[in-house]
Amino acid sequence: MTRILADLPDDDIKWLDRLADEQGKSRAAILREAVSSYRAQDKDWLEKGFGLWARNGVQEDGIAFQHRLRSEWDGADAGDGGDA
């Protein structure tokens, strides 16, 4: 583990100290958790999107979804009588 020196505004230090006291942790522990949490959000866009539909309960196949949407678009201009 490497120690670092970071300059933070006094208000942030007070907030960190208050949070650390409430959780019974050190300021350093709170900062380590914050960095770990921030890193966990830093995923590749493909990794974030892969399986998104399944994770949210969508059962429709992606290709079927595209065909359904495109069939709506194909019919959108039908019958308007105008020249495109």
PDB file of N, CA and C in Angstrom:
ATOM      1  N   MET A   1       0.861  -1.178   0.000  1.00  0.00           N
ATOM      2  CA  MET A   1       0.000   0.000   0.000  1.00  0.00           C
ATOM      3  C   MET A   1       0.901   1.232   0.000  1.00  0.00           C
ATOM      4  N   THR A   2       0.514   2.217  -0.756  1.00  0.00           N
ATOM      5  CA  THR A   2       1.271   3.454  -0.864  1.00  0.00           C
ATOM      6  C   THR A   2       0.520   4.591  -0.190  1.00  0.00           C
ATOM      7  N   ARG A   3       1.218   5.384   0.526  1.00  0.00           N
ATOM      8  CA  ARG A   3       0.618   6.569   1.157  1.00  0.00           C
ATOM      9  C   ARG A   3       0.658   7.718   0.154  1.00  0.00           C
ATOM     10  N   ILE A   4      -0.360   8.551   0.211  1.00  0.00           N
ATOM     11  CA  ILE A   4      -0.400   9.727  -0.667  1.00  0.00           C
ATOM     12  C   ILE A   4      -0.656  10.969   0.160  1.00  0.00           C
ATOM     13  N   LEU A   5      -0.335  12.086  -0.435  1.00  0.00           N
ATOM     14  CA  LEU A   5      -0.628  13.377   0.166  1.00  0.00           C
ATOM     15  C   LEU A   5      -1.620  14.070  -0.749  1.00  0.00           C
ATOM     16  N   ALA A   6      -2.747  14.461  -0.206  1.00  0.00           N
ATOM     17  CA  ALA A   6      -3.769  15.130  -1.009  1.00  0.00           C
ATOM     18  C   ALA A   6      -4.262  16.362  -0.268  1.00  0.00           C
ATOM     19  N   ASP A   7      -4.388  17.449  -0.997  1.00  0.00           N
ATOM     20  CA  ASP A   7      -4.926  18.684  -0.424  1.00  0.00           C
ATOM     21  C   ASP A   7      -6.427  18.733  -0.673  1.00  0.00           C
ATOM     22  N   LEU A   8      -7.191  18.876   0.396  1.00  0.00           N
ATOM     23  CA  LEU A   8      -8.643  18.979   0.305  1.00  0.00           C
ATOM     24  C   LEU A   8      -9.101  20.221   1.043  1.00  0.00           C
ATOM     25  N   PRO A   9     -10.188  20.825   0.593  1.00  0.00           N
ATOM     26  CA  PRO A   9     -10.733  21.989   1.298  1.00  0.00           C
ATOM     27  C   PRO A   9     -11.137  21.624   2.730  1.00  0.00           C
ATOM     28  N   ASP A  10     -11.061  22.582   3.611  1.00  0.00           N
ATOM     29  CA  ASP A  10     -11.394  22.348   5.023  1.00  0.00           C
ATOM     30  C   ASP A  10     -12.796  21.787   5.202  1.00  0.00           C
ATOM     31  N   ASP A  11     -13.758  22.266   4.403  1.00  0.00           N
ATOM     32  CA  ASP A  11     -15.130  21.757   4.519  1.00  0.00           C
ATOM     33  C   ASP A  11     -15.198  20.265   4.199  1.00  0.00           C
ATOM     34  N   ASP A  12     -14.408  19.824   3.208  1.00  0.00           N
ATOM     35  CA  ASP A  12     -14.393  18.405   2.863  1.00  0.00           C
ATOM     36  C   ASP A  12     -13.765  17.578   3.977  1.00  0.00           C
ATOM     37  N   ILE A  13     -12.727  18.099   4.593  1.00  0.00           N
ATOM     38  CA  ILE A  13     -12.083  17.400   5.712  1.00  0.00           C
ATOM     39  C   ILE A  13     -13.062  17.267   6.882  1.00  0.00           C
ATOM     40  N   LYS A  14     -13.794  18.336   7.181  1.00  0.00           N
ATOM     41  CA  LYS A  14     -14.782  18.281   8.265  1.00  0.00           C
ATOM     42  C   LYS A  14     -15.850  17.244   7.957  1.00  0.00           C
ATOM     43  N   TRP A  15     -16.292  17.211   6.705  1.00  0.00           N
ATOM     44  CA  TRP A  15     -17.307  16.240   6.290  1.00  0.00           C
ATOM     45  C   TRP A  15     -16.752  14.820   6.414  1.00  0.00           C
ATOM     46  N   LEU A  16     -15.516  14.604   5.941  1.00  0.00           N
ATOM     47  CA  LEU A  16     -14.887  13.287   6.056  1.00  0.00           C
ATOM     48  C   LEU A  16     -14.757  12.851   7.515  1.00  0.00           C
ATOM     49  N   ASP A  17     -14.318  13.761   8.361  1.00  0.00           N
ATOM     50  CA  ASP A  17     -14.163  13.440   9.782  1.00  0.00           C
ATOM     51  C   ASP A  17     -15.508  13.086  10.417  1.00  0.00           C
ATOM     52  N   ARG A  18     -16.542  13.827  10.061  1.00  0.00           N
ATOM     53  CA  ARG A  18     -17.881  13.561  10.607  1.00  0.00           C
ATOM     54  C   ARG A  18     -18.373  12.183  10.130  1.00  0.00           C
ATOM     55  N   LEU A  19     -18.183  11.893   8.838  1.00  0.00           N
ATOM     56  CA  LEU A  19     -18.592  10.608   8.288  1.00  0.00           C
ATOM     57  C   LEU A  19     -17.802   9.461   8.919  1.00  0.00           C
ATOM     58  N   ALA A  20     -16.520   9.640   9.044  1.00  0.00           N
ATOM     59  CA  ALA A  20     -15.664   8.616   9.660  1.00  0.00           C
ATOM     60  C   ALA A  20     -16.094   8.348  11.095  1.00  0.00           C
ATOM     61  N   ASP A  21     -16.414   9.410  11.826  1.00  0.00           N
ATOM     62  CA  ASP A  21     -16.854   9.261  13.210  1.00  0.00           C
ATOM     63  C   ASP A  21     -18.183   8.506  13.275  1.00  0.00           C
ATOM     64  N   GLU A  22     -19.112   8.853  12.388  1.00  0.00           N
ATOM     65  CA  GLU A  22     -20.422   8.188  12.363  1.00  0.00           C
ATOM     66  C   GLU A  22     -20.287   6.699  12.047  1.00  0.00           C
ATOM     67  N   GLN A  23     -19.337   6.359  11.178  1.00  0.00           N
ATOM     68  CA  GLN A  23     -19.179   4.972  10.758  1.00  0.00           C
ATOM     69  C   GLN A  23     -18.140   4.210  11.592  1.00  0.00           C
ATOM     70  N   GLY A  24     -17.492   4.917  12.494  1.00  0.00           N
ATOM     71  CA  GLY A  24     -16.478   4.272  13.327  1.00  0.00           C
ATOM     72  C   GLY A  24     -15.253   3.843  12.525  1.00  0.00           C
ATOM     73  N   LYS A  25     -14.911   4.630  11.536  1.00  0.00           N
ATOM     74  CA  LYS A  25     -13.779   4.322  10.666  1.00  0.00           C
ATOM     75  C   LYS A  25     -12.803   5.486  10.663  1.00  0.00           C
ATOM     76  N   SER A  26     -11.644   5.225  10.133  1.00  0.00           N
ATOM     77  CA  SER A  26     -10.671   6.310   9.981  1.00  0.00           C
ATOM     78  C   SER A  26     -10.979   7.092   8.704  1.00  0.00           C
ATOM     79  N   ARG A  27     -10.454   8.293   8.641  1.00  0.00           N
ATOM     80  CA  ARG A  27     -10.586   9.112   7.439  1.00  0.00           C
ATOM     81  C   ARG A  27      -9.982   8.364   6.244  1.00  0.00           C
ATOM     82  N   ALA A  28      -8.844   7.719   6.464  1.00  0.00           N
ATOM     83  CA  ALA A  28      -8.174   6.975   5.388  1.00  0.00           C
ATOM     84  C   ALA A  28      -9.057   5.829   4.878  1.00  0.00           C
ATOM     85  N   ALA A  29      -9.743   5.153   5.787  1.00  0.00           N
ATOM     86  CA  ALA A  29     -10.624   4.058   5.374  1.00  0.00           C
ATOM     87  C   ALA A  29     -11.763   4.576   4.499  1.00  0.00           C
ATOM     88  N   ILE A  30     -12.327   5.718   4.875  1.00  0.00           N
ATOM     89  CA  ILE A  30     -13.400   6.317   4.090  1.00  0.00           C
ATOM     90  C   ILE A  30     -12.883   6.673   2.689  1.00  0.00           C
ATOM     91  N   LEU A  31     -11.700   7.249   2.623  1.00  0.00           N
ATOM     92  CA  LEU A  31     -11.124   7.613   1.327  1.00  0.00           C
ATOM     93  C   LEU A  31     -10.827   6.378   0.480  1.00  0.00           C
ATOM     94  N   ARG A  32     -10.324   5.303   1.095  1.00  0.00           N
ATOM     95  CA  ARG A  32     -10.070   4.066   0.342  1.00  0.00           C
ATOM     96  C   ARG A  32     -11.364   3.516  -0.235  1.00  0.00           C
ATOM     97  N   GLU A  33     -12.424   3.524   0.564  1.00  0.00           N
ATOM     98  CA  GLU A  33     -13.723   3.044   0.081  1.00  0.00           C
ATOM     99  C   GLU A  33     -14.246   3.907  -1.056  1.00  0.00           C
ATOM    100  N   ALA A  34     -14.045   5.220  -0.942  1.00  0.00           N
ATOM    101  CA  ALA A  34     -14.504   6.129  -1.990  1.00  0.00           C
ATOM    102  C   ALA A  34     -13.770   5.865  -3.307  1.00  0.00           C
ATOM    103  N   VAL A  35     -12.465   5.655  -3.236  1.00  0.00           N
ATOM    104  CA  VAL A  35     -11.685   5.373  -4.449  1.00  0.00           C
ATOM    105  C   VAL A  35     -12.118   4.036  -5.046  1.00  0.00           C
ATOM    106  N   SER A  36     -12.322   3.025  -4.211  1.00  0.00           N
ATOM    107  CA  SER A  36     -12.770   1.717  -4.703  1.00  0.00           C
ATOM    108  C   SER A  36     -14.124   1.826  -5.389  1.00  0.00           C
ATOM    109  N   SER A  37     -15.023   2.586  -4.794  1.00  0.00           N
ATOM    110  CA  SER A  37     -16.345   2.778  -5.375  1.00  0.00           C
ATOM    111  C   SER A  37     -16.259   3.516  -6.713  1.00  0.00           C
ATOM    112  N   TYR A  38     -15.424   4.519  -6.771  1.00  0.00           N
ATOM    113  CA  TYR A  38     -15.238   5.286  -8.002  1.00  0.00           C
ATOM    114  C   TYR A  38     -14.663   4.399  -9.102  1.00  0.00           C
ATOM    115  N   ARG A  39     -13.695   3.564  -8.744  1.00  0.00           N
ATOM    116  CA  ARG A  39     -13.091   2.656  -9.718  1.00  0.00           C
ATOM    117  C   ARG A  39     -14.108   1.652 -10.232  1.00  0.00           C
ATOM    118  N   ALA A  40     -15.001   1.190  -9.380  1.00  0.00           N
ATOM    119  CA  ALA A  40     -16.005   0.207  -9.783  1.00  0.00           C
ATOM    120  C   ALA A  40     -16.932   0.758 -10.858  1.00  0.00           C
ATOM    121  N   GLN A  41     -17.099   2.077 -10.881  1.00  0.00           N
ATOM    122  CA  GLN A  41     -17.949   2.713 -11.892  1.00  0.00           C
ATOM    123  C   GLN A  41     -17.235   2.855 -13.224  1.00  0.00           C
ATOM    124  N   ASP A  42     -15.932   2.708 -13.234  1.00  0.00           N
ATOM    125  CA  ASP A  42     -15.115   2.941 -14.419  1.00  0.00           C
ATOM    126  C   ASP A  42     -14.992   1.664 -15.240  1.00  0.00           C
ATOM    127  N   LYS A  43     -16.096   1.236 -15.839  1.00  0.00           N
ATOM    128  CA  LYS A  43     -16.094   0.034 -16.657  1.00  0.00           C
ATOM    129  C   LYS A  43     -16.155   0.427 -18.125  1.00  0.00           C
ATOM    130  N   ASP A  44     -15.668  -0.450 -18.928  1.00  0.00           N
ATOM    131  CA  ASP A  44     -15.725  -0.276 -20.370  1.00  0.00           C
ATOM    132  C   ASP A  44     -17.189  -0.174 -20.803  1.00  0.00           C
ATOM    133  N   TRP A  45     -17.489   0.666 -21.777  1.00  0.00           N
ATOM    134  CA  TRP A  45     -18.880   0.864 -22.221  1.00  0.00           C
ATOM    135  C   TRP A  45     -19.491  -0.440 -22.713  1.00  0.00           C
ATOM    136  N   LEU A  46     -18.700  -1.289 -23.338  1.00  0.00           N
ATOM    137  CA  LEU A  46     -19.226  -2.554 -23.825  1.00  0.00           C
ATOM    138  C   LEU A  46     -19.589  -3.468 -22.655  1.00  0.00           C
ATOM    139  N   GLU A  47     -18.745  -3.481 -21.644  1.00  0.00           N
ATOM    140  CA  GLU A  47     -19.008  -4.294 -20.456  1.00  0.00           C
ATOM    141  C   GLU A  47     -20.272  -3.809 -19.755  1.00  0.00           C
ATOM    142  N   LYS A  48     -20.487  -2.498 -19.715  1.00  0.00           N
ATOM    143  CA  LYS A  48     -21.688  -1.951 -19.075  1.00  0.00           C
ATOM    144  C   LYS A  48     -22.950  -2.353 -19.824  1.00  0.00           C
ATOM    145  N   GLY A  49     -22.876  -2.344 -21.159  1.00  0.00           N
ATOM    146  CA  GLY A  49     -24.062  -2.597 -21.964  1.00  0.00           C
ATOM    147  C   GLY A  49     -24.365  -4.065 -22.206  1.00  0.00           C
ATOM    148  N   PHE A  50     -23.352  -4.912 -22.149  1.00  0.00           N
ATOM    149  CA  PHE A  50     -23.558  -6.327 -22.441  1.00  0.00           C
ATOM    150  C   PHE A  50     -24.528  -6.945 -21.442  1.00  0.00           C
ATOM    151  N   GLY A  51     -25.604  -7.531 -21.942  1.00  0.00           N
ATOM    152  CA  GLY A  51     -26.594  -8.174 -21.076  1.00  0.00           C
ATOM    153  C   GLY A  51     -27.551  -7.209 -20.407  1.00  0.00           C
ATOM    154  N   LEU A  52     -27.556  -5.955 -20.824  1.00  0.00           N
ATOM    155  CA  LEU A  52     -28.391  -4.936 -20.189  1.00  0.00           C
ATOM    156  C   LEU A  52     -29.873  -5.289 -20.244  1.00  0.00           C
ATOM    157  N   TRP A  53     -30.337  -5.741 -21.401  1.00  0.00           N
ATOM    158  CA  TRP A  53     -31.748  -6.085 -21.523  1.00  0.00           C
ATOM    159  C   TRP A  53     -32.110  -7.224 -20.578  1.00  0.00           C
ATOM    160  N   ALA A  54     -31.301  -8.262 -20.560  1.00  0.00           N
ATOM    161  CA  ALA A  54     -31.595  -9.417 -19.706  1.00  0.00           C
ATOM    162  C   ALA A  54     -31.592  -9.020 -18.228  1.00  0.00           C
ATOM    163  N   ARG A  55     -30.655  -8.148 -17.848  1.00  0.00           N
ATOM    164  CA  ARG A  55     -30.601  -7.705 -16.445  1.00  0.00           C
ATOM    165  C   ARG A  55     -31.839  -6.913 -16.053  1.00  0.00           C
ATOM    166  N   ASN A  56     -32.508  -6.327 -17.038  1.00  0.00           N
ATOM    167  CA  ASN A  56     -33.694  -5.517 -16.753  1.00  0.00           C
ATOM    168  C   ASN A  56     -34.986  -6.218 -17.154  1.00  0.00           C
ATOM    169  N   GLY A  57     -34.922  -7.522 -17.385  1.00  0.00           N
ATOM    170  CA  GLY A  57     -36.123  -8.308 -17.617  1.00  0.00           C
ATOM    171  C   GLY A  57     -36.684  -8.259 -19.023  1.00  0.00           C
ATOM    172  N   VAL A  58     -35.956  -7.711 -19.989  1.00  0.00           N
ATOM    173  CA  VAL A  58     -36.445  -7.668 -21.367  1.00  0.00           C
ATOM    174  C   VAL A  58     -36.162  -9.015 -22.009  1.00  0.00           C
ATOM    175  N   GLN A  59     -37.206  -9.640 -22.547  1.00  0.00           N
ATOM    176  CA  GLN A  59     -37.070 -10.974 -23.121  1.00  0.00           C
ATOM    177  C   GLN A  59     -36.969 -10.955 -24.648  1.00  0.00           C
ATOM    178  N   GLU A  60     -37.276  -9.833 -25.262  1.00  0.00           N
ATOM    179  CA  GLU A  60     -37.300  -9.756 -26.728  1.00  0.00           C
ATOM    180  C   GLU A  60     -35.887  -9.822 -27.302  1.00  0.00           C
ATOM    181  N   ASP A  61     -35.730 -10.561 -28.382  1.00  0.00           N
ATOM    182  CA  ASP A  61     -34.469 -10.650 -29.098  1.00  0.00           C
ATOM    183  C   ASP A  61     -34.156  -9.301 -29.736  1.00  0.00           C
ATOM    184  N   GLY A  62     -32.889  -8.903 -29.726  1.00  0.00           N
ATOM    185  CA  GLY A  62     -32.487  -7.607 -30.267  1.00  0.00           C
ATOM    186  C   GLY A  62     -32.814  -7.430 -31.734  1.00  0.00           C
ATOM    187  N   ILE A  63     -32.614  -8.475 -32.525  1.00  0.00           N
ATOM    188  CA  ILE A  63     -32.918  -8.400 -33.959  1.00  0.00           C
ATOM    189  C   ILE A  63     -34.416  -8.269 -34.177  1.00  0.00           C
ATOM    190  N   ALA A  64     -35.200  -9.027 -33.418  1.00  0.00           N
ATOM    191  CA  ALA A  64     -36.662  -8.922 -33.523  1.00  0.00           C
ATOM    192  C   ALA A  64     -37.121  -7.511 -33.160  1.00  0.00           C
ATOM    193  N   PHE A  65     -36.487  -6.919 -32.151  1.00  0.00           N
ATOM    194  CA  PHE A  65     -36.807  -5.554 -31.741  1.00  0.00           C
ATOM    195  C   PHE A  65     -36.536  -4.573 -32.887  1.00  0.00           C
ATOM    196  N   GLN A  66     -35.379  -4.728 -33.535  1.00  0.00           N
ATOM    197  CA  GLN A  66     -35.039  -3.856 -34.665  1.00  0.00           C
ATOM    198  C   GLN A  66     -36.053  -3.992 -35.793  1.00  0.00           C
ATOM    199  N   HIS A  67     -36.409  -5.219 -36.137  1.00  0.00           N
ATOM    200  CA  HIS A  67     -37.383  -5.441 -37.210  1.00  0.00           C
ATOM    201  C   HIS A  67     -38.736  -4.822 -36.875  1.00  0.00           C
ATOM    202  N   ARG A  68     -39.146  -4.970 -35.618  1.00  0.00           N
ATOM    203  CA  ARG A  68     -40.426  -4.389 -35.198  1.00  0.00           C
ATOM    204  C   ARG A  68     -40.406  -2.872 -35.331  1.00  0.00           C
ATOM    205  N   LEU A  69     -39.329  -2.246 -34.859  1.00  0.00           N
ATOM    206  CA  LEU A  69     -39.233  -0.787 -34.969  1.00  0.00           C
ATOM    207  C   LEU A  69     -39.186  -0.328 -36.414  1.00  0.00           C
ATOM    208  N   ARG A  70     -38.393  -1.012 -37.231  1.00  0.00           N
ATOM    209  CA  ARG A  70     -38.258  -0.609 -38.632  1.00  0.00           C
ATOM    210  C   ARG A  70     -39.549  -0.793 -39.400  1.00  0.00           C
ATOM    211  N   SER A  71     -40.344  -1.789 -39.028  1.00  0.00           N
ATOM    212  CA  SER A  71     -41.628  -1.972 -39.705  1.00  0.00           C
ATOM    213  C   SER A  71     -42.556  -0.795 -39.386  1.00  0.00           C
ATOM    214  N   GLU A  72     -42.430  -0.221 -38.204  1.00  0.00           N
ATOM    215  CA  GLU A  72     -43.210   0.974 -37.860  1.00  0.00           C
ATOM    216  C   GLU A  72     -42.764   2.155 -38.710  1.00  0.00           C
ATOM    217  N   TRP A  73     -41.458   2.280 -38.921  1.00  0.00           N
ATOM    218  CA  TRP A  73     -40.940   3.385 -39.726  1.00  0.00           C
ATOM    219  C   TRP A  73     -41.378   3.261 -41.182  1.00  0.00           C
ATOM    220  N   ASP A  74     -41.379   2.017 -41.691  1.00  0.00           N
ATOM    221  CA  ASP A  74     -41.773   1.804 -43.090  1.00  0.00           C
ATOM    222  C   ASP A  74     -43.198   2.248 -43.339  1.00  0.00           C
ATOM    223  N   GLY A  75     -44.057   2.092 -42.350  1.00  0.00           N
ATOM    224  CA  GLY A  75     -45.460   2.470 -42.511  1.00  0.00           C
ATOM    225  C   GLY A  75     -45.741   3.918 -42.169  1.00  0.00           C
ATOM    226  N   ALA A  76     -44.778   4.650 -41.652  1.00  0.00           N
ATOM    227  CA  ALA A  76     -45.015   6.008 -41.191  1.00  0.00           C
ATOM    228  C   ALA A  76     -45.351   6.965 -42.314  1.00  0.00           C
ATOM    229  N   ASP A  77     -44.714   6.784 -43.485  1.00  0.00           N
ATOM    230  CA  ASP A  77     -44.957   7.705 -44.590  1.00  0.00           C
ATOM    231  C   ASP A  77     -46.042   7.226 -45.531  1.00  0.00           C
ATOM    232  N   ALA A  78     -46.527   6.026 -45.340  1.00  0.00           N
ATOM    233  CA  ALA A  78     -47.543   5.474 -46.221  1.00  0.00           C
ATOM    234  C   ALA A  78     -48.835   6.242 -46.083  1.00  0.00           C
ATOM    235  N   GLY A  79     -49.415   6.605 -47.218  1.00  0.00           N
ATOM    236  CA  GLY A  79     -50.721   7.239 -47.206  1.00  0.00           C
ATOM    237  C   GLY A  79     -50.701   8.731 -46.952  1.00  0.00           C
ATOM    238  N   ASP A  80     -49.531   9.351 -46.851  1.00  0.00           N
ATOM    239  CA  ASP A  80     -49.535  10.798 -46.616  1.00  0.00           C
ATOM    240  C   ASP A  80     -49.667  11.565 -47.906  1.00  0.00           C
ATOM    241  N   GLY A  81     -49.449  10.873 -49.041  1.00  0.00           N
ATOM    242  CA  GLY A  81     -49.669  11.512 -50.326  1.00  0.00           C
ATOM    243  C   GLY A  81     -48.608  12.497 -50.743  1.00  0.00           C
ATOM    244  N   GLY A  82     -47.644  12.770 -49.914  1.00  0.00           N
ATOM    245  CA  GLY A  82     -46.616  13.746 -50.237  1.00  0.00           C
ATOM    246  C   GLY A  82     -45.399  13.102 -50.879  1.00  0.00           C
ATOM    247  N   ASP A  83     -44.626  13.938 -51.534  1.00  0.00           N
ATOM    248  CA  ASP A  83     -43.375  13.467 -52.115  1.00  0.00           C
ATOM    249  C   ASP A  83     -42.259  13.705 -51.109  1.00  0.00           C
ATOM    250  N   ALA A  84     -41.441  12.690 -50.913  1.00  0.00           N
ATOM    251  CA  ALA A  84     -40.365  12.807 -49.939  1.00  0.00           C
ATOM    252  C   ALA A  84     -39.145  13.444 -50.519  1.00  0.00           C
TER     253      ALA A  84
END
